[in-house]
């Protein structure tokens, strides 16, 4: 994983050998190709549908909230039921030339292009090669992500909450 560059653009997929990425419909009514800056690539080193909450500090983060990262630059939490799926899913990381991309969300590191993109190269990332520690990222699991979502929204941490529609529903406690 020495090939990850913080300012390079990547796209993580479970599909190998994509020759050309075609723009797809986005929520704003335009068609886009999505990429992520290398400094946030760790947020995407999971199967696409895996719900996760990714946290990091930014200039607005308080010292008290920064302590919640447990010394890591990034803290990612997934649901326990996804651990085995992640452990057996190879990923393919495509790198793009930056020339046609524009910032979509600076906080999350999202970049978009409205034109088709051919990757510069592809890296196969087998699950046993994935080392979050080398990315200064702490990975943790929980039975349910949604209670964590509510806690995170009350902090000053920067975050990305990905595929939460796939998260387990909050279980009510019997009275």
C-alpha atoms as a PDB file:
ATOM      1  CA  UNK A   1       0.000   0.000   0.000  1.00  0.00           C
ATOM      2  CA  UNK A   2       3.022   2.228  -0.412  1.00  0.00           C
ATOM      3  CA  UNK A   3       1.476   3.413  -3.670  1.00  0.00           C
ATOM      4  CA  UNK A   4      -1.204   5.557  -1.961  1.00  0.00           C
ATOM      5  CA  UNK A   5      -0.451   9.258  -2.476  1.00  0.00           C
ATOM      6  CA  UNK A   6      -2.476  11.769  -0.381  1.00  0.00           C
ATOM      7  CA  UNK A   7      -3.245  14.089  -3.313  1.00  0.00           C
ATOM      8  CA  UNK A   8      -3.787  11.437  -5.990  1.00  0.00           C
ATOM      9  CA  UNK A   9      -7.314  10.470  -7.099  1.00  0.00           C
ATOM     10  CA  UNK A  10      -8.627   6.943  -6.659  1.00  0.00           C
ATOM     11  CA  UNK A  11     -11.770   4.877  -7.038  1.00  0.00           C
ATOM     12  CA  UNK A  12     -12.252   1.649  -5.059  1.00  0.00           C
ATOM     13  CA  UNK A  13     -14.350  -1.121  -6.581  1.00  0.00           C
ATOM     14  CA  UNK A  14     -15.074  -4.817  -6.215  1.00  0.00           C
ATOM     15  CA  UNK A  15     -14.921  -5.052 -10.010  1.00  0.00           C
ATOM     16  CA  UNK A  16     -11.577  -5.838 -11.635  1.00  0.00           C
ATOM     17  CA  UNK A  17     -10.335  -4.494 -14.964  1.00  0.00           C
ATOM     18  CA  UNK A  18     -12.637  -1.537 -15.592  1.00  0.00           C
ATOM     19  CA  UNK A  19     -11.265   0.062 -18.748  1.00  0.00           C
ATOM     20  CA  UNK A  20     -13.384   3.209 -18.671  1.00  0.00           C
ATOM     21  CA  UNK A  21     -15.575   4.809 -15.997  1.00  0.00           C
ATOM     22  CA  UNK A  22     -18.705   6.336 -17.495  1.00  0.00           C
ATOM     23  CA  UNK A  23     -20.505   9.186 -15.703  1.00  0.00           C
ATOM     24  CA  UNK A  24     -23.503   7.978 -13.697  1.00  0.00           C
ATOM     25  CA  UNK A  25     -26.528   9.870 -12.402  1.00  0.00           C
ATOM     26  CA  UNK A  26     -25.866  11.848  -9.213  1.00  0.00           C
ATOM     27  CA  UNK A  27     -28.347  13.300  -6.712  1.00  0.00           C
ATOM     28  CA  UNK A  28     -28.006  16.768  -8.257  1.00  0.00           C
ATOM     29  CA  UNK A  29     -29.348  15.597 -11.641  1.00  0.00           C
ATOM     30  CA  UNK A  30     -25.980  15.542 -13.412  1.00  0.00           C
ATOM     31  CA  UNK A  31     -23.924  12.546 -14.471  1.00  0.00           C
ATOM     32  CA  UNK A  32     -20.543  12.139 -12.775  1.00  0.00           C
ATOM     33  CA  UNK A  33     -17.526   9.908 -12.291  1.00  0.00           C
ATOM     34  CA  UNK A  34     -16.545   9.892  -8.617  1.00  0.00           C
ATOM     35  CA  UNK A  35     -13.056   9.751  -7.159  1.00  0.00           C
ATOM     36  CA  UNK A  36     -11.574  10.116  -3.697  1.00  0.00           C
ATOM     37  CA  UNK A  37      -8.373  11.854  -2.635  1.00  0.00           C
ATOM     38  CA  UNK A  38      -5.705   9.482  -1.385  1.00  0.00           C
ATOM     39  CA  UNK A  39      -5.809  11.115   2.057  1.00  0.00           C
ATOM     40  CA  UNK A  40      -9.353   9.689   2.471  1.00  0.00           C
ATOM     41  CA  UNK A  41      -8.950   6.441   0.518  1.00  0.00           C
ATOM     42  CA  UNK A  42      -9.042   4.406   3.748  1.00  0.00           C
ATOM     43  CA  UNK A  43     -12.752   5.295   4.007  1.00  0.00           C
ATOM     44  CA  UNK A  44     -13.376   3.259   0.844  1.00  0.00           C
ATOM     45  CA  UNK A  45     -11.293   0.159   1.473  1.00  0.00           C
ATOM     46  CA  UNK A  46     -14.459  -1.831   2.173  1.00  0.00           C
ATOM     47  CA  UNK A  47     -17.056  -3.627   0.070  1.00  0.00           C
ATOM     48  CA  UNK A  48     -19.291  -0.989  -1.520  1.00  0.00           C
ATOM     49  CA  UNK A  49     -22.402  -1.780   0.514  1.00  0.00           C
ATOM     50  CA  UNK A  50     -20.631  -1.977   3.884  1.00  0.00           C
ATOM     51  CA  UNK A  51     -22.077   0.691   6.195  1.00  0.00           C
ATOM     52  CA  UNK A  52     -19.402   2.658   8.021  1.00  0.00           C
ATOM     53  CA  UNK A  53     -18.696   5.793   9.977  1.00  0.00           C
ATOM     54  CA  UNK A  54     -15.357   7.462   9.329  1.00  0.00           C
ATOM     55  CA  UNK A  55     -14.044  10.125  11.710  1.00  0.00           C
ATOM     56  CA  UNK A  56     -11.066  12.489  11.647  1.00  0.00           C
ATOM     57  CA  UNK A  57     -10.047  15.833  13.078  1.00  0.00           C
ATOM     58  CA  UNK A  58     -10.030  19.111  11.174  1.00  0.00           C
ATOM     59  CA  UNK A  59      -9.360  22.724  12.134  1.00  0.00           C
ATOM     60  CA  UNK A  60     -12.725  22.971  13.951  1.00  0.00           C
ATOM     61  CA  UNK A  61     -12.175  19.863  16.092  1.00  0.00           C
ATOM     62  CA  UNK A  62     -11.753  20.450  19.811  1.00  0.00           C
ATOM     63  CA  UNK A  63      -8.965  18.764  21.781  1.00  0.00           C
ATOM     64  CA  UNK A  64     -11.596  16.859  23.761  1.00  0.00           C
ATOM     65  CA  UNK A  65     -13.166  15.451  20.585  1.00  0.00           C
ATOM     66  CA  UNK A  66      -9.783  14.731  19.007  1.00  0.00           C
ATOM     67  CA  UNK A  67      -9.134  12.386  21.945  1.00  0.00           C
ATOM     68  CA  UNK A  68     -12.008  10.227  20.635  1.00  0.00           C
ATOM     69  CA  UNK A  69      -9.741   9.191  17.738  1.00  0.00           C
ATOM     70  CA  UNK A  70      -7.529   7.212  20.152  1.00  0.00           C
ATOM     71  CA  UNK A  71      -4.327   8.629  18.659  1.00  0.00           C
ATOM     72  CA  UNK A  72      -5.169   7.706  15.058  1.00  0.00           C
ATOM     73  CA  UNK A  73      -5.648  10.197  12.233  1.00  0.00           C
ATOM     74  CA  UNK A  74      -8.826   8.389  11.188  1.00  0.00           C
ATOM     75  CA  UNK A  75     -11.191   6.105  13.095  1.00  0.00           C
ATOM     76  CA  UNK A  76     -13.552   3.898  11.086  1.00  0.00           C
ATOM     77  CA  UNK A  77     -16.317   1.825  12.627  1.00  0.00           C
ATOM     78  CA  UNK A  78     -18.198  -0.944  10.816  1.00  0.00           C
ATOM     79  CA  UNK A  79     -20.845  -3.352  12.022  1.00  0.00           C
ATOM     80  CA  UNK A  80     -19.606  -6.706  13.326  1.00  0.00           C
ATOM     81  CA  UNK A  81     -21.660  -8.635  10.761  1.00  0.00           C
ATOM     82  CA  UNK A  82     -19.525  -7.040   7.997  1.00  0.00           C
ATOM     83  CA  UNK A  83     -16.170  -8.147   9.404  1.00  0.00           C
ATOM     84  CA  UNK A  84     -16.159 -11.532   7.617  1.00  0.00           C
ATOM     85  CA  UNK A  85     -17.452 -10.047   4.377  1.00  0.00           C
ATOM     86  CA  UNK A  86     -14.627  -7.488   4.429  1.00  0.00           C
ATOM     87  CA  UNK A  87     -12.098 -10.199   5.241  1.00  0.00           C
ATOM     88  CA  UNK A  88     -12.903 -12.106   2.055  1.00  0.00           C
ATOM     89  CA  UNK A  89     -13.587  -9.305  -0.448  1.00  0.00           C
ATOM     90  CA  UNK A  90     -10.740  -8.258  -2.754  1.00  0.00           C
ATOM     91  CA  UNK A  91     -10.800  -4.652  -3.899  1.00  0.00           C
ATOM     92  CA  UNK A  92      -9.487  -2.989  -7.020  1.00  0.00           C
ATOM     93  CA  UNK A  93      -8.176   0.520  -6.633  1.00  0.00           C
ATOM     94  CA  UNK A  94      -8.113   2.630  -9.773  1.00  0.00           C
ATOM     95  CA  UNK A  95      -6.034   5.775 -10.048  1.00  0.00           C
ATOM     96  CA  UNK A  96      -7.140   8.714 -12.209  1.00  0.00           C
ATOM     97  CA  UNK A  97      -5.403  11.714 -13.732  1.00  0.00           C
ATOM     98  CA  UNK A  98      -6.699  14.802 -11.885  1.00  0.00           C
ATOM     99  CA  UNK A  99      -7.154  17.126 -14.878  1.00  0.00           C
ATOM    100  CA  UNK A 100     -10.933  16.711 -15.418  1.00  0.00           C
ATOM    101  CA  UNK A 101     -11.923  16.462 -11.750  1.00  0.00           C
ATOM    102  CA  UNK A 102     -13.384  19.184  -9.549  1.00  0.00           C
ATOM    103  CA  UNK A 103     -13.878  19.267  -5.790  1.00  0.00           C
ATOM    104  CA  UNK A 104     -17.310  17.925  -4.845  1.00  0.00           C
ATOM    105  CA  UNK A 105     -16.831  17.808  -1.057  1.00  0.00           C
ATOM    106  CA  UNK A 106     -13.517  19.042   0.340  1.00  0.00           C
ATOM    107  CA  UNK A 107     -14.149  17.657   3.838  1.00  0.00           C
ATOM    108  CA  UNK A 108     -14.776  14.107   2.618  1.00  0.00           C
ATOM    109  CA  UNK A 109     -12.215  14.278  -0.211  1.00  0.00           C
ATOM    110  CA  UNK A 110     -14.778  13.680  -2.988  1.00  0.00           C
ATOM    111  CA  UNK A 111     -13.876  14.740  -6.507  1.00  0.00           C
ATOM    112  CA  UNK A 112     -16.074  14.426  -9.600  1.00  0.00           C
ATOM    113  CA  UNK A 113     -15.741  14.587 -13.353  1.00  0.00           C
ATOM    114  CA  UNK A 114     -18.542  14.946 -15.877  1.00  0.00           C
ATOM    115  CA  UNK A 115     -16.564  13.106 -18.543  1.00  0.00           C
ATOM    116  CA  UNK A 116     -15.673   9.445 -18.967  1.00  0.00           C
ATOM    117  CA  UNK A 117     -12.380   8.526 -17.299  1.00  0.00           C
ATOM    118  CA  UNK A 118      -9.807   5.926 -18.152  1.00  0.00           C
ATOM    119  CA  UNK A 119      -7.754   4.840 -15.129  1.00  0.00           C
ATOM    120  CA  UNK A 120      -4.012   5.399 -15.182  1.00  0.00           C
ATOM    121  CA  UNK A 121      -3.520   2.142 -13.318  1.00  0.00           C
ATOM    122  CA  UNK A 122      -5.242  -0.443 -11.169  1.00  0.00           C
ATOM    123  CA  UNK A 123      -4.035  -1.981  -7.919  1.00  0.00           C
ATOM    124  CA  UNK A 124      -5.458  -5.235  -6.617  1.00  0.00           C
ATOM    125  CA  UNK A 125      -5.834  -5.127  -2.855  1.00  0.00           C
ATOM    126  CA  UNK A 126      -6.353  -8.536  -1.283  1.00  0.00           C
ATOM    127  CA  UNK A 127      -7.970  -8.499   2.167  1.00  0.00           C
ATOM    128  CA  UNK A 128      -4.872  -9.966   3.841  1.00  0.00           C
ATOM    129  CA  UNK A 129      -2.775  -7.102   2.412  1.00  0.00           C
ATOM    130  CA  UNK A 130      -4.945  -4.405   3.957  1.00  0.00           C
ATOM    131  CA  UNK A 131      -3.229  -2.811   6.955  1.00  0.00           C
ATOM    132  CA  UNK A 132      -5.192   0.069   8.441  1.00  0.00           C
ATOM    133  CA  UNK A 133      -2.421   0.734  10.972  1.00  0.00           C
ATOM    134  CA  UNK A 134      -0.084   1.698   8.106  1.00  0.00           C
ATOM    135  CA  UNK A 135      -2.733   4.221   7.064  1.00  0.00           C
ATOM    136  CA  UNK A 136      -2.823   5.614  10.633  1.00  0.00           C
ATOM    137  CA  UNK A 137      -6.412   4.435  10.838  1.00  0.00           C
ATOM    138  CA  UNK A 138      -8.084   2.659  13.719  1.00  0.00           C
ATOM    139  CA  UNK A 139     -10.727   0.137  12.680  1.00  0.00           C
ATOM    140  CA  UNK A 140     -13.374  -0.912  15.181  1.00  0.00           C
ATOM    141  CA  UNK A 141     -16.641  -2.824  15.096  1.00  0.00           C
ATOM    142  CA  UNK A 142     -19.983  -2.419  16.792  1.00  0.00           C
ATOM    143  CA  UNK A 143     -23.253  -4.318  16.693  1.00  0.00           C
ATOM    144  CA  UNK A 144     -25.128  -1.212  15.478  1.00  0.00           C
ATOM    145  CA  UNK A 145     -23.838   1.921  13.763  1.00  0.00           C
ATOM    146  CA  UNK A 146     -26.878   4.147  14.154  1.00  0.00           C
ATOM    147  CA  UNK A 147     -26.362   4.942  17.864  1.00  0.00           C
ATOM    148  CA  UNK A 148     -22.784   5.983  16.985  1.00  0.00           C
ATOM    149  CA  UNK A 149     -24.132   8.251  14.248  1.00  0.00           C
ATOM    150  CA  UNK A 150     -26.176  10.140  16.823  1.00  0.00           C
ATOM    151  CA  UNK A 151     -23.130  10.539  19.109  1.00  0.00           C
ATOM    152  CA  UNK A 152     -20.872  11.730  16.270  1.00  0.00           C
ATOM    153  CA  UNK A 153     -23.326  14.432  15.233  1.00  0.00           C
ATOM    154  CA  UNK A 154     -22.858  15.963  18.677  1.00  0.00           C
ATOM    155  CA  UNK A 155     -19.068  16.315  18.295  1.00  0.00           C
ATOM    156  CA  UNK A 156     -16.764  18.661  16.418  1.00  0.00           C
ATOM    157  CA  UNK A 157     -15.127  15.788  14.505  1.00  0.00           C
ATOM    158  CA  UNK A 158     -15.138  15.697  10.723  1.00  0.00           C
ATOM    159  CA  UNK A 159     -16.930  12.634   9.407  1.00  0.00           C
ATOM    160  CA  UNK A 160     -18.202  10.656   6.486  1.00  0.00           C
ATOM    161  CA  UNK A 161     -21.126   8.285   7.024  1.00  0.00           C
ATOM    162  CA  UNK A 162     -21.259   5.841   4.161  1.00  0.00           C
ATOM    163  CA  UNK A 163     -24.066   3.437   3.205  1.00  0.00           C
ATOM    164  CA  UNK A 164     -25.905   3.881   6.502  1.00  0.00           C
ATOM    165  CA  UNK A 165     -29.075   2.785   4.712  1.00  0.00           C
ATOM    166  CA  UNK A 166     -27.535  -0.720   4.991  1.00  0.00           C
ATOM    167  CA  UNK A 167     -26.936  -0.419   8.748  1.00  0.00           C
ATOM    168  CA  UNK A 168     -28.814  -2.612  11.196  1.00  0.00           C
ATOM    169  CA  UNK A 169     -31.891  -0.907  12.612  1.00  0.00           C
ATOM    170  CA  UNK A 170     -31.723   0.268  16.205  1.00  0.00           C
ATOM    171  CA  UNK A 171     -33.058  -2.454  18.463  1.00  0.00           C
ATOM    172  CA  UNK A 172     -35.480  -1.213  21.072  1.00  0.00           C
ATOM    173  CA  UNK A 173     -35.033  -2.306  24.621  1.00  0.00           C
ATOM    174  CA  UNK A 174     -38.000  -4.000  26.300  1.00  0.00           C
ATOM    175  CA  UNK A 175     -39.563  -1.976  29.088  1.00  0.00           C
END
